[in-house]
Protein backbone atom coordinates (compact mmCIF):
# COMPACT_ATOMS: atom_id res chain seq x y z
CA MET A 1 -10.17 -41.45 -44.32
CA THR A 2 -8.47 -43.23 -47.23
CA LYS A 3 -4.96 -44.11 -48.31
CA VAL A 4 -4.76 -42.08 -50.60
CA GLN A 5 -5.28 -39.17 -47.70
CA ALA A 6 -3.08 -40.50 -45.24
CA ARG A 7 -0.35 -40.70 -47.97
CA GLU A 8 -0.65 -37.02 -48.50
CA ILE A 9 -1.03 -36.35 -45.01
CA ILE A 10 2.27 -37.89 -44.82
CA SER A 11 4.18 -36.77 -47.52
CA ILE A 12 2.91 -32.69 -46.28
CA MET A 13 4.19 -34.04 -42.65
CA ARG A 14 7.84 -34.76 -44.51
CA ALA A 15 8.03 -31.92 -46.64
CA GLU A 16 6.87 -29.14 -43.58
CA THR A 17 9.47 -30.66 -40.78
CA HIS A 18 12.68 -32.35 -40.35
CA ALA A 19 13.14 -35.53 -38.73
CA LEU A 20 16.29 -33.98 -37.38
CA ASP A 21 13.75 -31.41 -35.75
CA VAL A 22 11.35 -33.85 -34.38
CA ALA A 23 14.13 -36.07 -32.54
CA MET A 24 15.17 -32.68 -31.35
CA ILE A 25 12.07 -31.51 -29.40
CA PHE A 26 11.48 -35.06 -28.07
CA ILE A 27 15.00 -35.35 -26.89
CA LEU A 28 14.83 -31.76 -25.32
CA SER A 29 11.51 -32.47 -23.44
CA VAL A 30 11.64 -36.47 -22.12
CA PHE A 31 15.49 -36.09 -21.31
CA LEU A 32 17.02 -32.87 -21.07
CA LYS A 33 16.55 -32.86 -17.24
CA LYS A 34 18.44 -35.89 -16.94
CA ILE A 35 21.24 -34.93 -19.14
CA GLY A 36 21.24 -31.65 -17.09
CA ARG A 37 21.46 -33.36 -13.35
CA PHE A 38 24.75 -35.41 -15.25
CA ILE A 39 26.29 -32.18 -16.40
CA TYR A 40 25.79 -30.27 -13.28
CA PHE A 41 27.09 -33.65 -11.27
CA ILE A 42 30.06 -33.87 -13.48
CA PHE A 43 30.88 -30.03 -13.01
CA LEU A 44 30.29 -30.91 -9.29
CA MET A 45 33.29 -33.63 -9.52
CA VAL A 46 35.82 -31.37 -11.11
CA GLU A 47 34.90 -28.53 -8.79
CA LEU A 48 35.50 -31.50 -5.63
CA VAL A 49 38.70 -32.75 -7.76
CA SER A 50 40.30 -29.13 -7.59
CA MET A 51 39.40 -28.45 -4.16
CA LEU A 52 41.25 -32.09 -2.56
CA GLY A 53 44.28 -31.06 -5.41
CA GLY A 54 44.25 -27.43 -3.56
CA SER A 55 43.48 -25.98 -6.31
CA GLU A 56 41.32 -22.43 -6.87
CA ARG A 57 37.93 -23.17 -7.26
CA LEU A 58 36.66 -23.35 -11.15
CA PHE A 59 32.94 -22.93 -10.37
CA SER A 60 31.91 -20.27 -7.57
CA ARG A 61 28.30 -21.52 -8.01
CA PHE A 62 29.26 -24.29 -5.85
CA ARG A 63 30.75 -22.66 -2.65
CA LYS A 64 27.14 -23.00 -1.33
CA ALA A 65 26.91 -26.49 -1.87
CA THR A 66 23.40 -25.88 -3.96
CA SER A 67 21.53 -28.72 -5.20
CA TYR A 68 20.53 -28.64 -8.60
CA GLU A 69 17.29 -29.00 -8.05
CA ASP A 70 18.02 -25.40 -6.59
CA SER A 71 20.79 -24.04 -8.81
CA ILE A 72 20.34 -21.76 -12.19
CA THR A 73 21.13 -24.61 -14.38
CA PHE A 74 17.78 -26.93 -13.08
CA GLN A 75 16.17 -23.46 -13.87
CA VAL A 76 17.75 -22.82 -17.52
CA VAL A 77 17.25 -26.40 -18.49
CA ASP A 78 13.61 -26.64 -16.64
CA MET A 79 12.40 -24.03 -19.24
CA ILE A 80 13.86 -25.02 -22.06
CA SER A 81 12.25 -28.91 -21.63
CA GLU A 82 9.04 -26.89 -20.96
CA ALA A 83 9.40 -24.93 -24.22
CA ALA A 84 10.11 -28.28 -26.18
CA ARG A 85 6.74 -30.00 -24.51
CA ILE A 86 4.80 -26.92 -25.81
CA ALA A 87 6.52 -27.74 -29.55
CA ALA A 88 5.76 -30.93 -29.37
CA VAL A 89 1.87 -30.31 -28.58
CA CYS A 90 2.05 -28.18 -31.01
CA PHE A 91 3.33 -30.43 -33.36
CA VAL A 92 0.28 -32.43 -32.88
CA ILE A 93 -1.87 -30.05 -32.98
CA ASP A 94 -0.42 -28.90 -36.28
CA THR A 95 -0.45 -32.74 -37.59
CA ILE A 96 -4.32 -32.68 -36.24
CA GLU A 97 -5.28 -29.62 -38.44
CA VAL A 98 -3.51 -30.92 -41.65
CA ALA A 99 -5.74 -34.34 -41.21
CA LEU A 100 -8.83 -32.65 -40.92
CA GLU A 101 -8.00 -30.42 -44.34
CA ILE A 102 -7.02 -33.54 -46.05
CA SER A 103 -10.04 -35.23 -45.16
CA GLY A 104 -12.54 -31.83 -46.14
CA ILE A 105 -13.55 -31.25 -42.45
CA LYS A 106 -12.18 -27.69 -41.86
CA GLY A 107 -11.26 -25.65 -44.59
CA ARG A 108 -7.90 -24.36 -45.46
CA GLU A 109 -8.67 -20.53 -44.95
CA ASN A 110 -7.73 -20.06 -41.90
CA ASP A 111 -4.39 -21.04 -39.76
CA PHE A 112 -5.99 -22.48 -36.19
CA SER A 113 -2.38 -24.57 -35.40
CA THR A 114 -0.26 -21.37 -35.44
CA ILE A 115 -2.90 -18.87 -33.63
CA ILE A 116 -3.35 -21.42 -31.02
CA ALA A 117 0.81 -22.00 -30.62
CA LYS A 118 0.88 -18.47 -30.44
CA LEU A 119 -1.95 -17.81 -27.93
CA ILE A 120 0.06 -21.30 -25.75
CA TYR A 121 3.66 -19.40 -26.21
CA ALA A 122 2.53 -16.38 -25.14
CA THR A 123 0.63 -17.64 -21.87
CA TRP A 124 3.39 -19.73 -21.20
CA ALA A 125 5.88 -16.72 -21.74
CA PHE A 126 3.45 -14.47 -19.02
CA LEU A 127 2.77 -17.46 -16.27
CA ARG A 128 7.40 -17.87 -16.54
CA VAL A 129 7.79 -14.16 -16.00
CA ARG A 130 5.42 -14.13 -13.37
CA MET A 131 6.76 -17.20 -11.52
CA TYR A 132 10.42 -15.42 -11.02
CA ARG A 133 8.56 -11.91 -10.76
CA ARG A 134 8.28 -12.30 -7.00
CA SER A 135 11.96 -13.77 -5.93
CA PHE A 136 13.27 -10.27 -7.93
CA ILE A 137 11.59 -8.05 -5.84
CA VAL A 138 11.85 -9.79 -2.88
CA THR A 139 15.85 -9.67 -3.87
CA VAL A 140 15.96 -6.02 -4.80
CA VAL A 141 13.89 -5.33 -1.26
CA ASP A 142 16.58 -7.68 0.75
CA ARG A 143 19.04 -5.23 -0.76
CA THR A 144 17.74 -1.73 -0.47
CA PRO A 145 17.68 -0.74 3.21
CA MET A 146 15.08 1.93 3.44
CA MET A 147 12.77 -1.23 2.21
CA MET A 148 13.39 -3.13 4.67
CA ASN A 149 11.05 -1.95 7.86
CA ALA A 150 8.23 -2.51 5.56
CA LYS A 151 9.03 -5.55 3.16
CA GLY A 152 5.90 -7.67 3.38
CA GLY A 153 3.67 -4.57 2.14
CA ILE A 154 6.24 -3.39 -0.25
CA VAL A 155 6.55 -6.87 -2.56
CA GLU A 156 2.38 -7.57 -2.23
CA ILE A 157 1.71 -4.01 -3.49
CA PHE A 158 4.44 -4.54 -6.50
CA ASN A 159 2.94 -8.02 -6.98
CA LYS A 160 0.02 -6.44 -7.63
CA ILE A 161 0.75 -3.40 -9.72
CA THR A 162 2.76 -6.32 -12.09
CA ASP A 163 0.42 -8.88 -12.07
CA PHE A 164 -1.97 -5.75 -13.07
CA PHE A 165 0.36 -5.00 -16.09
CA LEU A 166 1.17 -8.64 -16.49
CA PHE A 167 -2.39 -9.30 -16.91
CA SER A 168 -2.78 -6.27 -19.31
CA THR A 169 -0.14 -6.89 -20.90
CA LEU A 170 -1.05 -11.07 -21.88
CA SER A 171 -4.70 -9.26 -22.86
CA LEU A 172 -3.26 -7.42 -25.51
CA VAL A 173 -1.51 -9.79 -27.00
CA TRP A 174 -4.07 -12.30 -26.78
CA MET A 175 -6.01 -9.81 -28.70
CA ASP A 176 -3.30 -9.15 -31.44
CA ILE A 177 -3.18 -12.82 -32.15
CA LEU A 178 -7.02 -13.55 -32.60
CA LYS A 179 -7.13 -9.97 -34.38
CA ILE A 180 -9.79 -8.60 -32.01
CA GLN A 181 -10.76 -5.50 -33.06
CA PRO A 182 -11.84 -3.89 -29.79
CA GLY A 183 -13.01 -0.46 -31.43
CA ARG A 184 -16.13 -2.20 -33.08
CA GLY A 185 -17.00 -3.91 -29.90
CA LEU A 186 -17.07 -1.61 -27.48
CA SER A 187 -19.21 0.45 -29.73
CA SER A 188 -22.27 -1.53 -29.37
CA LEU A 189 -21.98 -1.31 -25.53
CA PHE A 190 -21.90 2.52 -25.76
CA ALA A 191 -24.87 2.79 -28.15
CA LEU A 192 -26.37 4.90 -25.84
CA GLY A 193 -23.58 7.57 -25.72
CA GLY A 194 -23.55 9.27 -22.58
CA ALA A 195 -26.26 6.85 -20.53
CA GLY A 196 -23.85 3.64 -21.47
CA THR A 197 -20.69 5.96 -19.70
CA LEU A 198 -22.47 6.99 -16.71
CA SER A 199 -23.60 3.12 -16.09
CA LEU A 200 -20.12 1.68 -16.38
CA THR A 201 -18.49 4.59 -14.19
CA LEU A 202 -20.75 3.76 -11.20
CA ALA A 203 -21.12 0.56 -11.73
CA SER A 204 -17.19 0.16 -11.35
CA GLN A 205 -16.64 2.81 -8.67
CA ASP A 206 -17.10 0.56 -6.01
CA LEU A 207 -14.68 -1.95 -7.83
CA ALA A 208 -11.63 0.74 -8.15
CA LYS A 209 -11.94 2.32 -4.75
CA ARG A 210 -11.97 -1.60 -3.32
CA ALA A 211 -8.74 -1.83 -5.68
CA LEU A 212 -7.22 1.05 -4.72
CA ASN A 213 -7.93 0.08 -0.78
CA GLY A 214 -6.41 -3.21 -1.03
CA LEU A 215 -3.25 -1.79 -2.81
CA ALA A 216 -3.03 0.78 0.39
CA LEU A 217 -3.47 -2.29 2.93
CA SER A 218 -0.69 -3.90 1.35
CA ALA A 219 1.70 -1.15 1.29
CA SER A 220 0.19 0.04 4.85
CA ASP A 221 2.11 -2.44 7.16
CA SER A 222 -0.80 -3.24 9.15
CA PHE A 223 -0.78 -6.91 8.52
CA TYR A 224 0.38 -9.55 6.24
CA VAL A 225 -0.90 -13.22 5.17
CA GLY A 226 -0.36 -15.26 8.26
CA ASP A 227 -1.27 -12.36 10.77
CA SER A 228 -3.68 -13.26 13.35
CA ILE A 229 -5.62 -9.66 13.50
CA LEU A 230 -8.80 -8.67 15.49
CA LEU A 231 -11.12 -5.94 14.00
CA GLY A 232 -13.12 -3.53 15.55
CA ASP A 233 -16.50 -4.98 14.66
CA GLY A 234 -15.30 -8.49 17.01
CA THR A 235 -14.09 -10.40 13.79
CA SER A 236 -10.50 -12.15 14.86
CA GLY A 237 -8.92 -15.03 13.21
CA THR A 238 -5.44 -15.42 10.49
CA VAL A 239 -5.18 -13.73 7.36
CA VAL A 240 -4.98 -16.11 4.78
CA ASN A 241 -5.46 -13.74 1.24
CA MET A 242 -4.70 -10.37 0.67
CA GLY A 243 -6.75 -9.68 -2.47
CA TRP A 244 -7.05 -7.24 -4.43
CA LEU A 245 -10.83 -6.28 -3.88
CA THR A 246 -11.22 -8.42 -0.80
CA THR A 247 -8.92 -10.31 2.38
CA ASP A 248 -9.97 -13.70 3.33
CA ILE A 249 -9.84 -14.16 7.14
CA ARG A 250 -9.46 -17.90 8.65
CA GLY A 251 -11.37 -17.79 12.26
CA SER A 252 -10.70 -20.42 14.73
CA ASP A 253 -14.02 -22.21 13.49
CA GLU A 254 -12.26 -22.53 10.61
CA LEU A 255 -14.91 -20.38 8.86
CA ILE A 256 -13.27 -18.11 6.46
CA THR A 257 -14.82 -14.81 6.12
CA LYS A 258 -14.38 -12.32 2.89
CA ILE A 259 -13.92 -8.92 4.15
CA PRO A 260 -14.18 -5.68 1.57
CA ASN A 261 -11.18 -4.08 1.07
CA SER A 262 -12.88 -0.74 1.51
CA GLN A 263 -14.30 -1.82 5.34
CA LEU A 264 -10.64 -2.65 6.23
CA SER A 265 -9.59 1.01 5.32
CA ASN A 266 -12.09 2.30 8.00
CA ILE A 267 -12.03 0.11 10.54
CA ARG A 268 -9.46 -0.22 14.05
CA ILE A 269 -7.30 -2.92 13.23
CA SER A 270 -5.28 -5.15 16.21
CA ASN A 271 -2.87 -7.27 14.81
CA ARG A 272 -2.04 -10.30 17.09
CA SER A 273 0.87 -11.65 15.40
CA ARG A 274 3.39 -8.24 16.49
CA MET A 275 2.13 -8.33 20.10
CA LYS A 276 5.24 -9.41 22.23
CA PHE A 277 3.14 -9.56 25.44
CA SER A 278 -0.40 -11.20 26.56
CA GLN A 279 -2.39 -10.95 29.40
CA VAL A 280 -4.21 -13.84 31.53
CA LYS A 281 -6.70 -12.14 33.78
CA GLN A 282 -8.84 -13.90 35.92
CA GLN A 283 -11.40 -13.30 38.42
CA LEU A 284 -11.69 -15.62 41.84
CA ASN A 285 -14.31 -15.79 43.98
CA PHE A 286 -14.28 -16.97 47.62
CA LYS A 287 -16.53 -18.20 50.99
CA HIS A 288 -17.13 -14.75 53.06
CA GLU A 289 -16.33 -17.44 56.26
CA ASP A 290 -12.38 -17.28 54.72
CA MET A 291 -11.88 -13.86 54.37
CA GLY A 292 -9.25 -13.42 57.42
CA ARG A 293 -7.30 -16.10 54.77
CA ILE A 294 -7.73 -13.68 51.76
CA PRO A 295 -4.22 -11.90 51.74
CA ASN A 296 -2.12 -14.91 52.92
CA LEU A 297 -3.70 -16.54 49.84
CA CYS A 298 -2.75 -13.86 47.25
CA ASP A 299 0.69 -13.51 48.31
CA GLU A 300 0.90 -17.87 48.08
CA ILE A 301 -1.21 -17.32 44.30
CA ARG A 302 1.81 -14.69 43.44
CA LYS A 303 4.60 -17.24 45.09
CA GLU A 304 3.24 -20.10 42.81
CA ILE A 305 2.64 -18.17 39.48
CA ALA A 306 6.46 -16.63 40.29
CA ALA A 307 8.33 -20.05 40.90
CA SER A 308 5.80 -22.58 38.27
CA CYS A 309 5.38 -20.06 35.67
CA PRO A 310 8.78 -19.47 33.70
CA LYS A 311 6.97 -17.32 30.76
CA VAL A 312 5.13 -14.58 33.82
CA VAL A 313 6.81 -11.61 33.50
CA THR A 314 7.56 -11.09 37.48
CA ASP A 315 10.86 -8.67 36.88
CA GLY A 316 8.58 -5.28 37.64
CA SER A 317 8.64 -3.89 34.19
CA LYS A 318 4.71 -5.38 33.96
CA THR A 319 1.74 -5.60 35.67
CA PHE A 320 2.11 -8.63 37.74
CA SER A 321 -0.73 -8.42 40.81
CA VAL A 322 -2.63 -10.36 43.14
CA LYS A 323 -4.87 -8.50 44.64
CA TRP A 324 -8.34 -8.23 47.13
CA VAL A 325 -10.58 -5.61 44.97
CA ASP A 326 -14.13 -6.23 46.31
CA PHE A 327 -16.76 -7.13 48.50
CA GLY A 328 -19.49 -9.45 46.14
CA LYS A 329 -22.98 -9.94 47.25
CA ASP A 330 -21.91 -13.55 48.10
CA SER A 331 -18.46 -14.06 47.71
CA ILE A 332 -15.56 -12.53 48.03
CA GLU A 333 -13.30 -11.43 44.84
CA VAL A 334 -10.03 -10.94 44.34
CA ILE A 335 -8.04 -10.32 40.70
CA VAL A 336 -5.31 -11.73 39.85
CA ASP A 337 -3.23 -9.89 36.47
CA CYS A 338 0.05 -11.10 34.70
CA ARG A 339 1.70 -10.59 31.76
CA LEU A 340 3.36 -13.57 29.43
CA ARG A 341 6.11 -12.92 27.35
CA THR A 342 4.04 -14.87 24.21
CA PRO A 343 1.93 -13.47 22.06
CA PRO A 344 -2.22 -14.03 22.57
CA ILE A 345 -1.99 -17.01 20.04
CA GLY A 346 -0.67 -20.22 19.42
CA GLU A 347 -0.20 -23.63 21.26
CA GLU A 348 2.68 -21.74 23.32
CA TYR A 349 0.02 -19.01 24.83
CA TYR A 350 -2.14 -21.57 25.96
CA GLU A 351 0.57 -23.57 27.37
CA ALA A 352 1.57 -20.89 29.30
CA ARG A 353 -2.11 -19.52 30.29
CA GLN A 354 -2.56 -23.59 31.31
CA GLU A 355 0.33 -22.99 33.72
CA VAL A 356 -1.27 -19.69 35.63
CA LEU A 357 -4.28 -21.31 35.93
CA GLN A 358 -2.57 -24.36 37.62
CA ALA A 359 -0.37 -22.56 39.28
CA ILE A 360 -3.40 -20.62 40.87
CA SER A 361 -4.97 -24.38 41.64
CA ASN A 362 -2.46 -25.49 43.47
CA ALA A 363 -2.12 -22.02 45.72
CA VAL A 364 -5.61 -22.20 46.38
CA GLN A 365 -5.63 -26.14 47.43
CA ARG A 366 -2.53 -25.76 49.65
CA MET A 367 -4.32 -23.64 51.52
CA GLY A 368 -7.38 -25.74 52.22
CA ILE A 369 -9.51 -22.62 50.44
CA GLU A 370 -13.03 -23.23 48.30
CA PHE A 371 -14.05 -21.58 45.24
CA ALA A 372 -17.36 -19.88 45.91
CA LYS A 373 -20.30 -21.72 44.34
CA LYS A 374 -21.72 -19.05 41.79
CA LYS A 375 -25.56 -18.55 42.64
């Protein structure tokens, strides 16, 4: 690039922009958050002084001791700061385009910098709306008593519906900015007429079915992300994602299984996270020569479990039995069956289960009886 071209670029930038505008963009993008924090601190000090002086509170927003990062002030400042940073990026892109035009690398027929700026701002606005969308939906559901019982499902289904409309709107905005004519492009896809339409219909039928099943699952209140479930085909694990087309389940071995939503609509689902109780059932085998001591052993096991296992339900409302149930070929069979006040998942369940097994072991050892060995 020659000096003449460099001077021409500088003169164009001076004519198109103002130094005050550039300075304002720089200040807003770099220092606005700090300025906002300072102003927020000043307001907080004024509020504190008014409270110490016995006056009424001037700013009701501070009644909940809201931190700056959680305040509306920060949200507004952050939005303006992001917009300023995008403006700075667009300014740099515009400068590069001017340099390319002056140097002859790019023609002056198309204004690419303006198109890029529009695409960036449109996408940023879409992401901002999507960011605040969920909190808005949760607030509406919380204030609607009829929706509280199925809050999680309602939030998920509204999220998916609004995502569909937001992405569709963004696509239309991009097409308008890029001057894309959908009619011409699609006409080539359907050049075969009815055959093309039929092919597309058949290809999208399963996708549409799975998407509708995904919405139905979100609204059915069967399970939410984070729930531990057991499916009728034996698949079990924690739900980590509920998408439009598939649901992801992470097993105990950390293996993630993707299951089509169309399958989940036709399968039995047990939600273990919503269980209030769980079962511990053990079959104990003892030698035939200890037959006369089995009744006393059953009583001893019951007493030990009741005394040392606080999670076991012993008030009679749930099953709690230690019974001699059968003569086996090589041993006597005793069944211990009890209920725990905890869902059958997590550390709490396994600790309570271990307490029951330890209580059984203590009672058997105290009676001086040995387990029968399997042959």
